[in-house]
């Protein structure tokens, strides 16, 4: 994993996480790992629903302001 972020409102009732990976293979390996299985089991009582998606993207360059 290169980066991970969690976003949500102040009441923390919904959380959106975004992560960047070296490759899809690396992400899949993490998802199949014991550590991830254990993490998911620990948070399961607090998760009402979950959605997952894979997106391809690119970095956008913000132009310098004059």
N, C-alpha and C. Protein backbone atom coordinates (compact mmCIF):
# COMPACT_ATOMS: atom_id res chain seq x y z
N UNK A 1 0.85 -1.17 0.00
CA UNK A 1 0.00 0.00 0.00
C UNK A 1 0.89 1.24 0.00
N UNK A 2 0.56 2.17 -0.84
CA UNK A 2 1.33 3.41 -0.92
C UNK A 2 0.75 4.49 -0.01
N UNK A 3 -0.58 4.62 -0.01
CA UNK A 3 -1.27 5.63 0.79
C UNK A 3 -2.63 5.10 1.18
N UNK A 4 -3.16 5.60 2.30
CA UNK A 4 -4.53 5.28 2.70
C UNK A 4 -5.11 6.48 3.43
N UNK A 5 -6.37 6.76 3.15
CA UNK A 5 -7.07 7.89 3.76
C UNK A 5 -8.45 7.43 4.20
N UNK A 6 -8.96 8.02 5.27
CA UNK A 6 -10.32 7.78 5.73
C UNK A 6 -11.03 9.13 5.80
N UNK A 7 -12.23 9.17 5.24
CA UNK A 7 -13.02 10.39 5.21
C UNK A 7 -14.38 10.11 5.84
N UNK A 8 -14.93 11.11 6.51
CA UNK A 8 -16.26 10.95 7.08
C UNK A 8 -16.73 12.21 7.76
N UNK A 9 -18.03 12.25 8.07
CA UNK A 9 -18.58 13.41 8.78
C UNK A 9 -18.16 13.39 10.24
N UNK A 10 -18.43 14.49 10.93
CA UNK A 10 -18.04 14.61 12.33
C UNK A 10 -18.66 13.54 13.23
N UNK A 11 -19.87 13.07 12.88
CA UNK A 11 -20.53 12.07 13.73
C UNK A 11 -19.96 10.66 13.52
N UNK A 12 -19.09 10.48 12.54
CA UNK A 12 -18.40 9.22 12.25
C UNK A 12 -19.35 8.05 12.01
N UNK A 13 -20.57 8.34 11.53
CA UNK A 13 -21.52 7.26 11.24
C UNK A 13 -21.23 6.59 9.90
N UNK A 14 -20.56 7.31 9.02
CA UNK A 14 -20.15 6.74 7.74
C UNK A 14 -18.68 7.07 7.54
N UNK A 15 -17.95 6.11 7.03
CA UNK A 15 -16.53 6.33 6.76
C UNK A 15 -16.25 5.81 5.36
N UNK A 16 -15.54 6.60 4.60
CA UNK A 16 -15.09 6.21 3.27
C UNK A 16 -13.58 6.10 3.34
N UNK A 17 -13.04 4.98 2.93
CA UNK A 17 -11.59 4.83 2.90
C UNK A 17 -11.14 4.71 1.45
N UNK A 18 -9.99 5.28 1.18
CA UNK A 18 -9.39 5.26 -0.15
C UNK A 18 -7.94 4.85 0.03
N UNK A 19 -7.49 3.91 -0.76
CA UNK A 19 -6.09 3.48 -0.67
C UNK A 19 -5.47 3.36 -2.06
N UNK A 20 -4.17 3.60 -2.10
CA UNK A 20 -3.40 3.49 -3.33
C UNK A 20 -2.43 2.32 -3.18
N UNK A 21 -2.37 1.49 -4.19
CA UNK A 21 -1.54 0.29 -4.15
C UNK A 21 -0.53 0.28 -5.28
N UNK A 22 0.55 -0.43 -5.07
CA UNK A 22 1.58 -0.60 -6.10
C UNK A 22 0.98 -1.33 -7.30
N UNK A 23 0.13 -2.33 -7.02
CA UNK A 23 -0.49 -3.11 -8.08
C UNK A 23 -1.75 -3.79 -7.56
N UNK A 24 -2.56 -4.28 -8.45
CA UNK A 24 -3.75 -5.04 -8.07
C UNK A 24 -3.33 -6.32 -7.36
N UNK A 25 -2.24 -6.93 -7.79
CA UNK A 25 -1.74 -8.16 -7.16
C UNK A 25 -1.39 -7.89 -5.69
N UNK A 26 -0.74 -6.76 -5.40
CA UNK A 26 -0.39 -6.41 -4.03
C UNK A 26 -1.65 -6.20 -3.18
N UNK A 27 -2.65 -5.54 -3.75
CA UNK A 27 -3.91 -5.33 -3.03
C UNK A 27 -4.60 -6.66 -2.75
N UNK A 28 -4.67 -7.53 -3.75
CA UNK A 28 -5.30 -8.84 -3.56
C UNK A 28 -4.56 -9.67 -2.52
N UNK A 29 -3.24 -9.57 -2.51
CA UNK A 29 -2.46 -10.31 -1.51
C UNK A 29 -2.78 -9.82 -0.10
N UNK A 30 -2.90 -8.52 0.07
CA UNK A 30 -3.28 -7.98 1.38
C UNK A 30 -4.67 -8.45 1.77
N UNK A 31 -5.60 -8.39 0.83
CA UNK A 31 -6.98 -8.79 1.13
C UNK A 31 -7.06 -10.25 1.57
N UNK A 32 -6.15 -11.08 1.09
CA UNK A 32 -6.14 -12.51 1.44
C UNK A 32 -5.30 -12.81 2.68
N UNK A 33 -4.65 -11.79 3.24
CA UNK A 33 -3.72 -12.02 4.35
C UNK A 33 -4.44 -12.27 5.68
N UNK A 34 -3.73 -12.90 6.59
CA UNK A 34 -4.25 -13.14 7.94
C UNK A 34 -4.52 -11.82 8.65
N UNK A 35 -3.64 -10.84 8.47
CA UNK A 35 -3.80 -9.55 9.14
C UNK A 35 -5.10 -8.87 8.72
N UNK A 36 -5.42 -8.90 7.44
CA UNK A 36 -6.65 -8.28 6.95
C UNK A 36 -7.87 -9.07 7.42
N UNK A 37 -7.77 -10.37 7.45
CA UNK A 37 -8.87 -11.20 7.96
C UNK A 37 -9.14 -10.86 9.42
N UNK A 38 -8.08 -10.73 10.20
CA UNK A 38 -8.21 -10.40 11.62
C UNK A 38 -8.77 -8.99 11.80
N UNK A 39 -8.33 -8.04 10.99
CA UNK A 39 -8.83 -6.66 11.07
C UNK A 39 -10.32 -6.62 10.77
N UNK A 40 -10.73 -7.31 9.72
CA UNK A 40 -12.15 -7.33 9.36
C UNK A 40 -13.00 -7.98 10.44
N UNK A 41 -12.50 -9.02 11.05
CA UNK A 41 -13.24 -9.68 12.14
C UNK A 41 -13.40 -8.73 13.33
N UNK A 42 -12.38 -7.93 13.61
CA UNK A 42 -12.43 -7.02 14.74
C UNK A 42 -13.45 -5.90 14.53
N UNK A 43 -13.60 -5.43 13.31
CA UNK A 43 -14.54 -4.32 13.06
C UNK A 43 -15.93 -4.79 12.65
N UNK A 44 -16.11 -6.07 12.39
CA UNK A 44 -17.38 -6.60 11.91
C UNK A 44 -18.59 -6.18 12.75
N UNK A 45 -18.51 -6.16 14.08
CA UNK A 45 -19.68 -5.75 14.86
C UNK A 45 -20.13 -4.30 14.62
N UNK A 46 -19.25 -3.48 14.06
CA UNK A 46 -19.55 -2.07 13.87
C UNK A 46 -19.90 -1.72 12.42
N UNK A 47 -19.79 -2.67 11.51
CA UNK A 47 -20.02 -2.43 10.09
C UNK A 47 -21.44 -2.85 9.73
N UNK A 48 -22.24 -1.87 9.30
CA UNK A 48 -23.62 -2.16 8.89
C UNK A 48 -23.69 -2.58 7.44
N UNK A 49 -22.86 -1.99 6.59
CA UNK A 49 -22.80 -2.36 5.18
C UNK A 49 -21.44 -1.96 4.63
N UNK A 50 -21.12 -2.57 3.53
CA UNK A 50 -19.81 -2.31 2.92
C UNK A 50 -19.95 -2.41 1.41
N UNK A 51 -19.26 -1.52 0.72
CA UNK A 51 -19.19 -1.55 -0.73
C UNK A 51 -17.73 -1.41 -1.12
N UNK A 52 -17.37 -2.06 -2.18
CA UNK A 52 -15.98 -2.00 -2.62
C UNK A 52 -15.95 -1.85 -4.13
N UNK A 53 -14.98 -1.07 -4.61
CA UNK A 53 -14.82 -0.88 -6.05
C UNK A 53 -13.35 -0.63 -6.35
N UNK A 54 -12.94 -0.99 -7.54
CA UNK A 54 -11.58 -0.73 -8.00
C UNK A 54 -11.66 0.28 -9.13
N UNK A 55 -10.90 1.35 -8.98
CA UNK A 55 -10.86 2.39 -10.00
C UNK A 55 -9.43 2.59 -10.48
N UNK A 56 -9.30 2.88 -11.74
CA UNK A 56 -8.00 3.28 -12.29
C UNK A 56 -8.01 4.80 -12.38
N UNK A 57 -6.88 5.41 -12.17
CA UNK A 57 -6.84 6.86 -12.22
C UNK A 57 -5.46 7.37 -12.53
N UNK A 58 -5.34 8.66 -12.46
CA UNK A 58 -4.04 9.30 -12.69
C UNK A 58 -3.98 10.56 -11.85
N UNK A 59 -2.79 11.00 -11.58
CA UNK A 59 -2.60 12.21 -10.80
C UNK A 59 -2.91 13.42 -11.67
N UNK A 60 -3.62 14.35 -11.11
CA UNK A 60 -3.92 15.60 -11.81
C UNK A 60 -2.99 16.70 -11.30
N UNK A 61 -2.52 17.48 -12.20
CA UNK A 61 -1.61 18.57 -11.85
C UNK A 61 -2.43 19.85 -11.69
N UNK A 62 -2.26 20.51 -10.55
CA UNK A 62 -2.95 21.78 -10.29
C UNK A 62 -2.06 22.90 -10.82
N UNK A 63 -2.59 23.71 -11.72
CA UNK A 63 -1.77 24.79 -12.27
C UNK A 63 -1.38 25.79 -11.17
N UNK A 64 -0.22 26.39 -11.33
CA UNK A 64 0.20 27.42 -10.40
C UNK A 64 -0.69 28.63 -10.56
N UNK A 65 -0.99 29.27 -9.43
CA UNK A 65 -1.80 30.48 -9.46
C UNK A 65 -0.90 31.69 -9.72
N UNK A 66 -1.38 32.62 -10.57
CA UNK A 66 -0.54 33.81 -10.86
C UNK A 66 -0.38 34.71 -9.66
